[in-house]
Amino acid sequence: MMYKYFKRIIDFLLALVLLILAAIPMLFIALAIKLEDKGPVIYKSKRMGKGLKEFNTYKFRSMKTNRKELSSGLTHEQMVTKVGKFIRKTSLDELPQLFNILKGEMSFIGPRPWIPEYYVWFTDEQKRRSDVLPGISGLAQVKGRNGINIFKKIEYDLYYVDHMSLWLDIKLVFETVVQVFKKTNAEISEQGIIEEIDDLKKKKQISHVG
């Protein structure tokens, strides 16, 4: 399939153009984060990429860093800054992932990059979601985001791996814009991640028993 060879070129050029256009807005976001809550502007998170290689994703930091607040028993929602709530709702927190695309670690469209803990409980079939570069958005995101269960997400991811094409990517870009404005099921809590990993673990244990 020829598309996979020039998809990287499209990603690189488009990411470069968007970074130039978004440079000033990104600067204002960075300043707003610093003014509200002193600390690092960028949040790094270890994720699994293509070929099961680990890399750091970049996002604008949206959580508080004050040590006293961290130890005061605040909920996950309460730890999100005012600026953080805005950039999360508008998905502006993901703008730094354009650098991940330039580095060849991500694509605009593909399965979302997940933390390594998920892959411990993946079957060989489920691991195929790492046969392509992870994306800022993907088929699972436009089909329900975090409103669908972990197994449905993986099913959509594998469908994308098997049917990746220019037309599908263009379609998913437009559908992603619609999802951003809907602002539904955009986030998953730490507890939600734990529950998804538990579901994977249980499923794998049952398959071994069977």
N, C-alpha and C. Protein backbone atom coordinates (compact mmCIF):
# COMPACT_ATOMS: atom_id res chain seq x y z
N MET A 1 0.86 -1.20 0.00
CA MET A 1 0.00 0.00 0.00
C MET A 1 0.89 1.25 0.00
N MET A 2 0.83 2.03 -1.07
CA MET A 2 1.71 3.17 -1.25
C MET A 2 1.49 4.27 -0.22
N TYR A 3 0.25 4.41 0.25
CA TYR A 3 -0.06 5.53 1.13
C TYR A 3 0.82 5.58 2.37
N LYS A 4 1.13 4.43 2.94
CA LYS A 4 1.91 4.42 4.19
C LYS A 4 3.30 5.02 3.99
N TYR A 5 3.78 5.06 2.76
CA TYR A 5 5.10 5.61 2.49
C TYR A 5 5.11 7.14 2.43
N PHE A 6 4.04 7.74 1.89
CA PHE A 6 4.04 9.20 1.85
C PHE A 6 3.16 9.82 2.93
N LYS A 7 2.52 9.00 3.77
CA LYS A 7 1.77 9.51 4.93
C LYS A 7 2.71 10.27 5.86
N ARG A 8 3.92 9.75 6.04
CA ARG A 8 4.91 10.39 6.90
C ARG A 8 5.29 11.76 6.38
N ILE A 9 5.42 11.88 5.05
CA ILE A 9 5.77 13.17 4.44
C ILE A 9 4.65 14.18 4.68
N ILE A 10 3.41 13.74 4.49
CA ILE A 10 2.25 14.61 4.72
C ILE A 10 2.22 15.06 6.17
N ASP A 11 2.42 14.11 7.09
CA ASP A 11 2.42 14.43 8.52
C ASP A 11 3.47 15.50 8.85
N PHE A 12 4.68 15.29 8.34
CA PHE A 12 5.79 16.20 8.66
C PHE A 12 5.51 17.61 8.15
N LEU A 13 5.11 17.72 6.89
CA LEU A 13 4.88 19.03 6.30
C LEU A 13 3.71 19.75 6.96
N LEU A 14 2.63 19.02 7.23
CA LEU A 14 1.46 19.62 7.85
C LEU A 14 1.76 20.05 9.28
N ALA A 15 2.51 19.22 10.02
CA ALA A 15 2.87 19.57 11.40
C ALA A 15 3.75 20.81 11.42
N LEU A 16 4.66 20.92 10.47
CA LEU A 16 5.54 22.08 10.39
C LEU A 16 4.75 23.35 10.13
N VAL A 17 3.81 23.29 9.20
CA VAL A 17 2.98 24.45 8.89
C VAL A 17 2.13 24.84 10.09
N LEU A 18 1.52 23.86 10.74
CA LEU A 18 0.66 24.15 11.90
C LEU A 18 1.45 24.72 13.07
N LEU A 19 2.67 24.26 13.25
CA LEU A 19 3.50 24.80 14.32
C LEU A 19 3.83 26.27 14.08
N ILE A 20 4.07 26.62 12.83
CA ILE A 20 4.34 28.02 12.49
C ILE A 20 3.10 28.88 12.75
N LEU A 21 1.93 28.37 12.31
CA LEU A 21 0.68 29.11 12.49
C LEU A 21 0.27 29.20 13.96
N ALA A 22 0.60 28.14 14.73
CA ALA A 22 0.17 28.08 16.12
C ALA A 22 1.21 28.62 17.10
N ALA A 23 2.32 29.12 16.59
CA ALA A 23 3.42 29.54 17.46
C ALA A 23 2.99 30.60 18.48
N ILE A 24 2.29 31.63 18.01
CA ILE A 24 1.87 32.71 18.92
C ILE A 24 0.82 32.21 19.92
N PRO A 25 -0.25 31.51 19.47
CA PRO A 25 -1.22 30.96 20.44
C PRO A 25 -0.55 30.04 21.47
N MET A 26 0.42 29.25 21.03
CA MET A 26 1.10 28.35 21.96
C MET A 26 1.92 29.13 22.97
N LEU A 27 2.47 30.25 22.54
CA LEU A 27 3.23 31.10 23.46
C LEU A 27 2.32 31.68 24.53
N PHE A 28 1.13 32.13 24.13
CA PHE A 28 0.17 32.68 25.09
C PHE A 28 -0.31 31.61 26.08
N ILE A 29 -0.53 30.40 25.57
CA ILE A 29 -0.94 29.30 26.45
C ILE A 29 0.15 29.00 27.47
N ALA A 30 1.39 28.98 27.00
CA ALA A 30 2.52 28.72 27.90
C ALA A 30 2.62 29.79 28.98
N LEU A 31 2.46 31.05 28.59
CA LEU A 31 2.51 32.14 29.57
C LEU A 31 1.37 32.04 30.57
N ALA A 32 0.17 31.69 30.09
CA ALA A 32 -1.00 31.56 30.96
C ALA A 32 -0.79 30.45 32.00
N ILE A 33 -0.19 29.35 31.56
CA ILE A 33 0.09 28.24 32.48
C ILE A 33 1.07 28.67 33.56
N LYS A 34 2.13 29.39 33.16
CA LYS A 34 3.14 29.86 34.09
C LYS A 34 2.58 30.87 35.09
N LEU A 35 1.74 31.78 34.60
CA LEU A 35 1.18 32.81 35.46
C LEU A 35 0.21 32.25 36.50
N GLU A 36 -0.56 31.23 36.09
CA GLU A 36 -1.54 30.67 37.04
C GLU A 36 -0.90 29.71 38.03
N ASP A 37 0.01 28.89 37.56
CA ASP A 37 0.57 27.85 38.43
C ASP A 37 2.02 27.60 38.03
N LYS A 38 2.94 28.17 38.77
CA LYS A 38 4.36 28.06 38.42
C LYS A 38 4.78 26.59 38.38
N GLY A 39 5.51 26.27 37.36
CA GLY A 39 5.93 24.89 37.17
C GLY A 39 6.22 24.68 35.70
N PRO A 40 6.52 23.47 35.30
CA PRO A 40 6.80 23.20 33.88
C PRO A 40 5.59 23.45 32.99
N VAL A 41 5.84 23.97 31.82
CA VAL A 41 4.75 24.24 30.87
C VAL A 41 4.33 22.96 30.16
N ILE A 42 5.31 22.11 29.89
CA ILE A 42 5.06 20.87 29.15
C ILE A 42 5.00 19.68 30.10
N TYR A 43 4.00 18.83 29.87
CA TYR A 43 3.87 17.57 30.63
C TYR A 43 4.28 16.43 29.71
N LYS A 44 5.23 15.62 30.19
CA LYS A 44 5.68 14.47 29.42
C LYS A 44 5.10 13.19 30.00
N SER A 45 4.71 12.28 29.12
CA SER A 45 4.13 11.01 29.58
C SER A 45 4.66 9.87 28.72
N LYS A 46 5.11 8.81 29.37
CA LYS A 46 5.65 7.65 28.67
C LYS A 46 4.52 6.87 27.99
N ARG A 47 4.68 6.63 26.69
CA ARG A 47 3.67 5.91 25.91
C ARG A 47 4.34 4.87 25.02
N MET A 48 3.50 3.98 24.49
CA MET A 48 3.99 2.97 23.56
C MET A 48 3.71 3.41 22.13
N GLY A 49 4.74 3.32 21.28
CA GLY A 49 4.59 3.75 19.91
C GLY A 49 4.65 2.60 18.93
N LYS A 50 4.92 2.95 17.70
CA LYS A 50 4.99 1.94 16.65
C LYS A 50 6.09 0.92 16.95
N GLY A 51 5.76 -0.34 16.72
CA GLY A 51 6.73 -1.39 17.00
C GLY A 51 6.97 -1.61 18.48
N LEU A 52 6.01 -1.17 19.31
CA LEU A 52 6.10 -1.31 20.76
C LEU A 52 7.32 -0.60 21.35
N LYS A 53 7.71 0.53 20.72
CA LYS A 53 8.81 1.33 21.23
C LYS A 53 8.26 2.45 22.11
N GLU A 54 8.85 2.63 23.28
CA GLU A 54 8.40 3.66 24.21
C GLU A 54 8.91 5.04 23.78
N PHE A 55 8.08 6.06 24.02
CA PHE A 55 8.49 7.43 23.75
C PHE A 55 7.69 8.35 24.67
N ASN A 56 8.09 9.60 24.76
CA ASN A 56 7.39 10.58 25.59
C ASN A 56 6.45 11.43 24.73
N THR A 57 5.19 11.48 25.12
CA THR A 57 4.27 12.40 24.46
C THR A 57 4.35 13.75 25.16
N TYR A 58 4.11 14.82 24.40
CA TYR A 58 4.16 16.16 24.95
C TYR A 58 2.76 16.77 24.98
N LYS A 59 2.43 17.37 26.10
CA LYS A 59 1.17 18.10 26.23
C LYS A 59 1.42 19.35 27.06
N PHE A 60 0.57 20.36 26.88
CA PHE A 60 0.61 21.48 27.79
C PHE A 60 0.11 21.00 29.15
N ARG A 61 0.82 21.34 30.21
CA ARG A 61 0.43 20.90 31.55
C ARG A 61 -0.90 21.53 31.95
N SER A 62 -1.81 20.70 32.45
CA SER A 62 -3.12 21.18 32.86
C SER A 62 -3.41 20.93 34.33
N MET A 63 -2.48 20.26 35.03
CA MET A 63 -2.67 19.94 36.45
C MET A 63 -1.81 20.83 37.33
N LYS A 64 -2.25 21.07 38.55
CA LYS A 64 -1.49 21.85 39.52
C LYS A 64 -0.23 21.09 39.95
N THR A 65 0.78 21.86 40.32
CA THR A 65 2.03 21.23 40.76
C THR A 65 2.39 21.57 42.20
N ASN A 66 1.59 22.44 42.84
CA ASN A 66 1.86 22.84 44.22
C ASN A 66 1.86 21.63 45.14
N ARG A 67 2.96 21.40 45.85
CA ARG A 67 3.10 20.22 46.70
C ARG A 67 2.05 20.17 47.81
N LYS A 68 1.71 21.32 48.39
CA LYS A 68 0.72 21.34 49.47
C LYS A 68 -0.65 20.90 48.95
N GLU A 69 -0.99 21.35 47.75
CA GLU A 69 -2.27 20.97 47.15
C GLU A 69 -2.27 19.50 46.78
N LEU A 70 -1.12 19.00 46.33
CA LEU A 70 -1.02 17.60 45.94
C LEU A 70 -1.26 16.66 47.12
N SER A 71 -0.89 17.13 48.32
CA SER A 71 -1.03 16.29 49.52
C SER A 71 -2.27 16.61 50.34
N SER A 72 -3.14 17.44 49.78
CA SER A 72 -4.32 17.86 50.54
C SER A 72 -5.56 17.02 50.26
N GLY A 73 -5.43 15.98 49.48
CA GLY A 73 -6.56 15.09 49.22
C GLY A 73 -7.53 15.60 48.17
N LEU A 74 -7.10 16.52 47.31
CA LEU A 74 -7.99 17.03 46.27
C LEU A 74 -8.25 15.94 45.23
N THR A 75 -9.43 15.99 44.63
CA THR A 75 -9.77 15.03 43.60
C THR A 75 -9.03 15.37 42.31
N HIS A 76 -9.06 14.44 41.37
CA HIS A 76 -8.41 14.65 40.08
C HIS A 76 -8.96 15.90 39.40
N GLU A 77 -10.27 16.08 39.44
CA GLU A 77 -10.91 17.23 38.81
C GLU A 77 -10.47 18.53 39.47
N GLN A 78 -10.33 18.52 40.80
CA GLN A 78 -9.93 19.72 41.53
C GLN A 78 -8.47 20.09 41.29
N MET A 79 -7.68 19.13 40.85
CA MET A 79 -6.27 19.39 40.60
C MET A 79 -6.03 20.04 39.23
N VAL A 80 -7.08 20.11 38.41
CA VAL A 80 -6.95 20.74 37.09
C VAL A 80 -7.02 22.26 37.25
N THR A 81 -6.09 22.97 36.65
CA THR A 81 -6.07 24.42 36.75
C THR A 81 -7.17 25.03 35.89
N LYS A 82 -7.41 26.34 36.07
CA LYS A 82 -8.41 27.02 35.26
C LYS A 82 -8.00 27.01 33.78
N VAL A 83 -6.73 27.31 33.56
CA VAL A 83 -6.22 27.27 32.19
C VAL A 83 -6.31 25.84 31.66
N GLY A 84 -6.00 24.88 32.53
CA GLY A 84 -6.04 23.47 32.16
C GLY A 84 -7.42 23.02 31.69
N LYS A 85 -8.47 23.50 32.37
CA LYS A 85 -9.83 23.12 32.00
C LYS A 85 -10.16 23.63 30.60
N PHE A 86 -9.70 24.84 30.30
CA PHE A 86 -9.97 25.42 29.00
C PHE A 86 -9.24 24.67 27.89
N ILE A 87 -7.93 24.44 28.08
CA ILE A 87 -7.17 23.80 27.01
C ILE A 87 -7.55 22.33 26.83
N ARG A 88 -8.06 21.71 27.90
CA ARG A 88 -8.53 20.33 27.76
C ARG A 88 -9.82 20.28 26.95
N LYS A 89 -10.76 21.19 27.26
CA LYS A 89 -12.04 21.20 26.56
C LYS A 89 -11.88 21.51 25.08
N THR A 90 -10.90 22.33 24.76
CA THR A 90 -10.68 22.73 23.38
C THR A 90 -9.62 21.86 22.68
N SER A 91 -9.04 20.91 23.44
CA SER A 91 -7.97 20.03 22.94
C SER A 91 -6.70 20.79 22.59
N LEU A 92 -6.58 22.04 23.05
CA LEU A 92 -5.36 22.81 22.81
C LEU A 92 -4.18 22.27 23.60
N ASP A 93 -4.46 21.48 24.62
CA ASP A 93 -3.38 20.90 25.41
C ASP A 93 -2.53 19.93 24.58
N GLU A 94 -3.07 19.46 23.46
CA GLU A 94 -2.37 18.48 22.64
C GLU A 94 -1.53 19.11 21.52
N LEU A 95 -1.52 20.43 21.44
CA LEU A 95 -0.73 21.10 20.40
C LEU A 95 0.75 20.71 20.43
N PRO A 96 1.37 20.55 21.61
CA PRO A 96 2.79 20.15 21.62
C PRO A 96 3.06 18.79 20.98
N GLN A 97 2.02 17.99 20.78
CA GLN A 97 2.23 16.70 20.12
C GLN A 97 2.60 16.88 18.65
N LEU A 98 2.50 18.10 18.15
CA LEU A 98 3.00 18.38 16.80
C LEU A 98 4.50 18.11 16.74
N PHE A 99 5.19 18.31 17.86
CA PHE A 99 6.63 18.01 17.92
C PHE A 99 6.85 16.50 17.86
N ASN A 100 5.94 15.73 18.47
CA ASN A 100 6.02 14.28 18.37
C ASN A 100 5.90 13.82 16.92
N ILE A 101 5.04 14.54 16.17
CA ILE A 101 4.86 14.20 14.75
C ILE A 101 6.12 14.53 13.96
N LEU A 102 6.69 15.70 14.23
CA LEU A 102 7.92 16.07 13.53
C LEU A 102 9.04 15.07 13.79
N LYS A 103 9.08 14.54 15.01
CA LYS A 103 10.13 13.58 15.38
C LYS A 103 9.87 12.18 14.81
N GLY A 104 8.71 11.98 14.21
CA GLY A 104 8.39 10.68 13.64
C GLY A 104 7.86 9.69 14.65
N GLU A 105 7.43 10.18 15.82
CA GLU A 105 6.91 9.30 16.87
C GLU A 105 5.40 9.14 16.80
N MET A 106 4.73 10.12 16.16
CA MET A 106 3.28 10.10 16.06
C MET A 106 2.84 10.55 14.67
N SER A 107 1.55 10.36 14.41
CA SER A 107 0.91 10.82 13.18
C SER A 107 -0.31 11.64 13.59
N PHE A 108 -0.92 12.32 12.64
CA PHE A 108 -2.15 13.03 12.97
C PHE A 108 -3.27 12.03 13.26
N ILE A 109 -3.31 10.96 12.47
CA ILE A 109 -4.36 9.96 12.62
C ILE A 109 -3.74 8.59 12.87
N GLY A 110 -4.29 7.89 13.86
CA GLY A 110 -3.81 6.55 14.20
C GLY A 110 -4.34 6.17 15.56
N PRO A 111 -4.11 4.96 16.01
CA PRO A 111 -4.55 4.56 17.35
C PRO A 111 -3.90 5.47 18.40
N ARG A 112 -4.65 5.87 19.40
CA ARG A 112 -4.09 6.73 20.44
C ARG A 112 -2.95 6.01 21.17
N PRO A 113 -1.88 6.74 21.51
CA PRO A 113 -0.77 6.11 22.25
C PRO A 113 -1.17 5.88 23.70
N TRP A 114 -1.03 4.65 24.16
CA TRP A 114 -1.41 4.30 25.53
C TRP A 114 -0.19 4.04 26.38
N ILE A 115 -0.38 4.09 27.69
CA ILE A 115 0.72 3.83 28.61
C ILE A 115 1.14 2.36 28.53
N PRO A 116 2.40 2.06 28.84
CA PRO A 116 2.92 0.69 28.71
C PRO A 116 2.14 -0.35 29.50
N GLU A 117 1.49 0.07 30.60
CA GLU A 117 0.76 -0.88 31.44
C GLU A 117 -0.34 -1.62 30.70
N TYR A 118 -0.89 -0.99 29.68
CA TYR A 118 -1.94 -1.65 28.89
C TYR A 118 -1.37 -2.88 28.18
N TYR A 119 -0.19 -2.73 27.62
CA TYR A 119 0.37 -3.75 26.73
C TYR A 119 0.79 -5.03 27.45
N VAL A 120 0.94 -4.94 28.76
CA VAL A 120 1.27 -6.13 29.55
C VAL A 120 0.18 -7.19 29.39
N TRP A 121 -1.06 -6.71 29.21
CA TRP A 121 -2.22 -7.62 29.16
C TRP A 121 -2.80 -7.78 27.77
N PHE A 122 -2.12 -7.28 26.76
CA PHE A 122 -2.58 -7.42 25.39
C PHE A 122 -2.28 -8.82 24.85
N THR A 123 -3.16 -9.31 24.00
CA THR A 123 -2.89 -10.52 23.24
C THR A 123 -2.02 -10.11 22.04
N ASP A 124 -1.48 -11.07 21.33
CA ASP A 124 -0.68 -10.76 20.15
C ASP A 124 -1.51 -10.02 19.11
N GLU A 125 -2.78 -10.37 19.00
CA GLU A 125 -3.67 -9.71 18.06
C GLU A 125 -3.88 -8.25 18.44
N GLN A 126 -4.11 -8.00 19.73
CA GLN A 126 -4.34 -6.64 20.19
C GLN A 126 -3.09 -5.77 20.03
N LYS A 127 -1.93 -6.37 20.12
CA LYS A 127 -0.67 -5.63 19.97
C LYS A 127 -0.49 -5.12 18.55
N ARG A 128 -1.28 -5.62 17.61
CA ARG A 128 -1.17 -5.15 16.22
C ARG A 128 -1.54 -3.69 16.07
N ARG A 129 -2.19 -3.11 17.09
CA ARG A 129 -2.52 -1.68 17.03
C ARG A 129 -1.25 -0.84 17.00
N SER A 130 -0.11 -1.47 17.34
CA SER A 130 1.18 -0.78 17.31
C SER A 130 1.93 -1.00 16.00
N ASP A 131 1.24 -1.55 15.01
CA ASP A 131 1.87 -1.75 13.70
C ASP A 131 1.98 -0.45 12.91
N VAL A 132 1.25 0.57 13.37
CA VAL A 132 1.32 1.88 12.72
C VAL A 132 1.63 2.94 13.77
N LEU A 133 2.01 4.12 13.33
CA LEU A 133 2.28 5.21 14.28
C LEU A 133 1.01 5.59 15.03
N PRO A 134 1.12 5.85 16.33
CA PRO A 134 -0.04 6.31 17.08
C PRO A 134 -0.43 7.71 16.62
N GLY A 135 -1.69 8.08 16.83
CA GLY A 135 -2.16 9.37 16.33
C GLY A 135 -2.71 10.29 17.39
N ILE A 136 -2.78 11.58 17.06
CA ILE A 136 -3.42 12.55 17.94
C ILE A 136 -4.90 12.23 18.03
N SER A 137 -5.46 11.77 16.92
CA SER A 137 -6.84 11.29 16.90
C SER A 137 -6.89 10.00 16.09
N GLY A 138 -8.02 9.31 16.20
CA GLY A 138 -8.14 8.05 15.47
C GLY A 138 -9.58 7.61 15.36
N LEU A 139 -9.79 6.45 14.80
CA LEU A 139 -11.13 5.94 14.57
C LEU A 139 -11.90 5.75 15.87
N ALA A 140 -11.23 5.23 16.90
CA ALA A 140 -11.90 5.02 18.19
C ALA A 140 -12.35 6.34 18.81
N GLN A 141 -11.57 7.41 18.55
CA GLN A 141 -11.92 8.71 19.13
C GLN A 141 -13.18 9.29 18.50
N VAL A 142 -13.35 9.12 17.20
CA VAL A 142 -14.53 9.68 16.56
C VAL A 142 -15.75 8.78 16.71
N LYS A 143 -15.53 7.54 17.15
CA LYS A 143 -16.63 6.60 17.33
C LYS A 143 -17.14 6.55 18.78
N GLY A 144 -16.63 7.42 19.61
CA GLY A 144 -17.15 7.43 20.97
C GLY A 144 -16.17 7.84 22.04
N ARG A 145 -14.91 8.04 21.63
CA ARG A 145 -13.89 8.43 22.60
C ARG A 145 -13.89 7.49 23.80
N ASN A 146 -14.02 8.07 24.99
CA ASN A 146 -14.00 7.26 26.21
C ASN A 146 -15.40 6.82 26.64
N GLY A 147 -16.36 6.95 25.72
CA GLY A 147 -17.71 6.47 26.01
C GLY A 147 -17.90 5.03 25.58
N ILE A 148 -16.85 4.43 24.99
CA ILE A 148 -16.93 3.02 24.58
C ILE A 148 -15.89 2.23 25.39
N ASN A 149 -16.12 0.92 25.52
CA ASN A 149 -15.22 0.13 26.36
C ASN A 149 -13.89 -0.15 25.66
N ILE A 150 -12.94 -0.63 26.43
CA ILE A 150 -11.59 -0.85 25.96
C ILE A 150 -11.51 -1.80 24.77
N PHE A 151 -12.36 -2.82 24.77
CA PHE A 151 -12.30 -3.82 23.70
C PHE A 151 -12.84 -3.25 22.38
N LYS A 152 -13.83 -2.34 22.48
CA LYS A 152 -14.36 -1.69 21.28
C LYS A 152 -13.32 -0.73 20.71
N LYS A 153 -12.60 -0.05 21.61
CA LYS A 153 -11.54 0.85 21.17
C LYS A 153 -10.49 0.09 20.36
N ILE A 154 -10.07 -1.06 20.91
CA ILE A 154 -9.05 -1.86 20.24
C ILE A 154 -9.58 -2.39 18.91
N GLU A 155 -10.85 -2.75 18.88
CA GLU A 155 -11.46 -3.23 17.63
C GLU A 155 -11.39 -2.17 16.55
N TYR A 156 -11.72 -0.92 16.91
CA TYR A 156 -11.64 0.18 15.95
C TYR A 156 -10.19 0.43 15.53
N ASP A 157 -9.27 0.35 16.49
CA ASP A 157 -7.85 0.56 16.17
C ASP A 157 -7.34 -0.46 15.17
N LEU A 158 -7.72 -1.72 15.37
CA LEU A 158 -7.27 -2.78 14.47
C LEU A 158 -7.89 -2.62 13.08
N TYR A 159 -9.13 -2.13 13.05
CA TYR A 159 -9.77 -1.86 11.76
C TYR A 159 -8.96 -0.80 11.01
N TYR A 160 -8.53 0.23 11.74
CA TYR A 160 -7.74 1.29 11.10
C TYR A 160 -6.42 0.74 10.57
N VAL A 161 -5.75 -0.09 11.36
CA VAL A 161 -4.49 -0.69 10.94
C VAL A 161 -4.66 -1.44 9.63
N ASP A 162 -5.77 -2.16 9.50
CA ASP A 162 -6.01 -2.99 8.31
C ASP A 162 -6.57 -2.22 7.11
N HIS A 163 -7.10 -1.00 7.37
CA HIS A 163 -7.75 -0.25 6.28
C HIS A 163 -7.21 1.17 6.13
N MET A 164 -6.02 1.44 6.63
CA MET A 164 -5.45 2.77 6.56
C MET A 164 -5.38 3.27 5.12
N SER A 165 -5.87 4.48 4.90
CA SER A 165 -5.84 5.06 3.55
C SER A 165 -5.94 6.57 3.66
N LEU A 166 -5.61 7.26 2.59
CA LEU A 166 -5.69 8.72 2.57
C LEU A 166 -7.13 9.17 2.79
N TRP A 167 -8.07 8.52 2.12
CA TRP A 167 -9.48 8.89 2.25
C TRP A 167 -9.96 8.72 3.69
N LEU A 168 -9.58 7.62 4.33
CA LEU A 168 -10.00 7.38 5.71
C LEU A 168 -9.40 8.43 6.64
N ASP A 169 -8.15 8.80 6.42
CA ASP A 169 -7.50 9.81 7.25
C ASP A 169 -8.20 11.17 7.11
N ILE A 170 -8.51 11.55 5.88
CA ILE A 170 -9.20 12.83 5.64
C ILE A 170 -10.55 12.83 6.34
N LYS A 171 -11.27 11.73 6.21
CA LYS A 171 -12.58 11.60 6.84
C LYS A 171 -12.47 11.73 8.35
N LEU A 172 -11.46 11.10 8.93
CA LEU A 172 -11.29 11.12 10.39
C LEU A 172 -10.87 12.49 10.89
N VAL A 173 -10.13 13.24 10.08
CA VAL A 173 -9.75 14.60 10.47
C VAL A 173 -10.99 15.47 10.64
N PHE A 174 -11.90 15.41 9.67
CA PHE A 174 -13.13 16.20 9.75
C PHE A 174 -14.03 15.72 10.90
N GLU A 175 -14.10 14.43 11.11
CA GLU A 175 -14.93 13.90 12.19
C GLU A 175 -14.33 14.25 13.55
N THR A 176 -13.01 14.38 13.61
CA THR A 176 -12.35 14.78 14.85
C THR A 176 -12.74 16.20 15.23
N VAL A 177 -12.79 17.10 14.24
CA VAL A 177 -13.19 18.49 14.50
C VAL A 177 -14.59 18.54 15.09
N VAL A 178 -15.48 17.72 14.57
CA VAL A 178 -16.85 17.65 15.10
C VAL A 178 -16.84 17.19 16.55
N GLN A 179 -16.03 16.18 16.85
CA GLN A 179 -15.96 15.64 18.21
C GLN A 179 -15.43 16.66 19.19
N VAL A 180 -14.47 17.48 18.76
CA VAL A 180 -13.91 18.51 19.63
C VAL A 180 -14.99 19.49 20.07
N PHE A 181 -15.87 19.86 19.14
CA PHE A 181 -16.94 20.80 19.47
C PHE A 181 -18.03 20.15 20.33
N LYS A 182 -18.19 18.84 20.19
CA LYS A 182 -19.17 18.14 21.02
C LYS A 182 -18.74 18.08 22.47
N LYS A 183 -17.44 17.97 22.71
CA LYS A 183 -16.86 17.96 24.06
C LYS A 183 -17.42 16.86 24.93
N THR A 184 -17.74 15.70 24.36
CA THR A 184 -18.28 14.60 25.15
C THR A 184 -17.28 13.45 25.21
N ASN A 185 -17.19 12.84 26.39
CA ASN A 185 -16.31 11.69 26.63
C ASN A 185 -14.87 11.96 26.21
N ALA A 186 -14.44 13.22 26.36
CA ALA A 186 -13.11 13.61 25.90
C ALA A 186 -12.00 13.11 26.81
N GLU A 187 -12.30 12.95 28.10
CA GLU A 187 -11.26 12.59 29.04
C GLU A 187 -11.56 11.26 29.71
N ILE A 188 -10.50 10.65 30.19
CA ILE A 188 -10.65 9.44 30.99
C ILE A 188 -9.88 9.66 32.29
N SER A 189 -10.50 9.34 33.41
CA SER A 189 -9.87 9.55 34.71
C SER A 189 -8.83 8.47 35.00
N GLU A 190 -8.05 8.69 36.04
CA GLU A 190 -7.06 7.69 36.44
C GLU A 190 -7.77 6.39 36.82
N GLN A 191 -8.93 6.52 37.47
CA GLN A 191 -9.71 5.34 37.84
C GLN A 191 -10.20 4.62 36.60
N GLY A 192 -10.58 5.38 35.58
CA GLY A 192 -11.03 4.78 34.34
C GLY A 192 -9.93 3.97 33.67
N ILE A 193 -8.71 4.48 33.73
CA ILE A 193 -7.56 3.76 33.15
C ILE A 193 -7.33 2.45 33.92
N ILE A 194 -7.41 2.53 35.24
CA ILE A 194 -7.23 1.34 36.08
C ILE A 194 -8.28 0.28 35.75
N GLU A 195 -9.52 0.72 35.56
CA GLU A 195 -10.61 -0.20 35.24
C GLU A 195 -10.40 -0.85 33.87
N GLU A 196 -9.91 -0.07 32.90
CA GLU A 196 -9.67 -0.63 31.57
C GLU A 196 -8.56 -1.69 31.63
N ILE A 197 -7.52 -1.41 32.38
CA ILE A 197 -6.42 -2.38 32.52
C ILE A 197 -6.91 -3.64 33.23
N ASP A 198 -7.77 -3.45 34.23
CA ASP A 198 -8.35 -4.61 34.94
C ASP A 198 -9.19 -5.46 33.99
N ASP A 199 -9.94 -4.80 33.10
CA ASP A 199 -10.77 -5.54 32.14
C ASP A 199 -9.89 -6.36 31.19
N LEU A 200 -8.78 -5.77 30.75
CA LEU A 200 -7.85 -6.49 29.89
C LEU A 200 -7.25 -7.69 30.62
N LYS A 201 -6.89 -7.45 31.87
CA LYS A 201 -6.28 -8.51 32.70
C LYS A 201 -7.24 -9.68 32.88
N LYS A 202 -8.48 -9.37 33.21
CA LYS A 202 -9.49 -10.42 33.44
C LYS A 202 -9.74 -11.21 32.16
N LYS A 203 -9.84 -10.48 31.03
CA LYS A 203 -10.09 -11.13 29.74
C LYS A 203 -8.96 -12.09 29.38
N LYS A 204 -7.72 -11.67 29.62
CA LYS A 204 -6.58 -12.51 29.29
C LYS A 204 -6.51 -13.72 30.21
N GLN A 205 -6.83 -13.53 31.49
CA GLN A 205 -6.79 -14.64 32.44
C GLN A 205 -7.86 -15.69 32.09
N ILE A 206 -9.03 -15.20 31.68
CA ILE A 206 -10.12 -16.12 31.31
C ILE A 206 -9.73 -16.92 30.06
N SER A 207 -9.08 -16.23 29.09
CA SER A 207 -8.68 -16.92 27.85
C SER A 207 -7.64 -17.99 28.13
N HIS A 208 -6.77 -17.74 29.11
CA HIS A 208 -5.74 -18.74 29.46
C HIS A 208 -6.37 -19.96 30.13
N VAL A 209 -7.39 -19.69 30.98
CA VAL A 209 -8.09 -20.79 31.65
C VAL A 209 -8.84 -21.64 30.66
N GLY A 210 -9.49 -20.94 29.67
CA GLY A 210 -10.24 -21.65 28.65
C GLY A 210 -9.35 -22.48 27.75
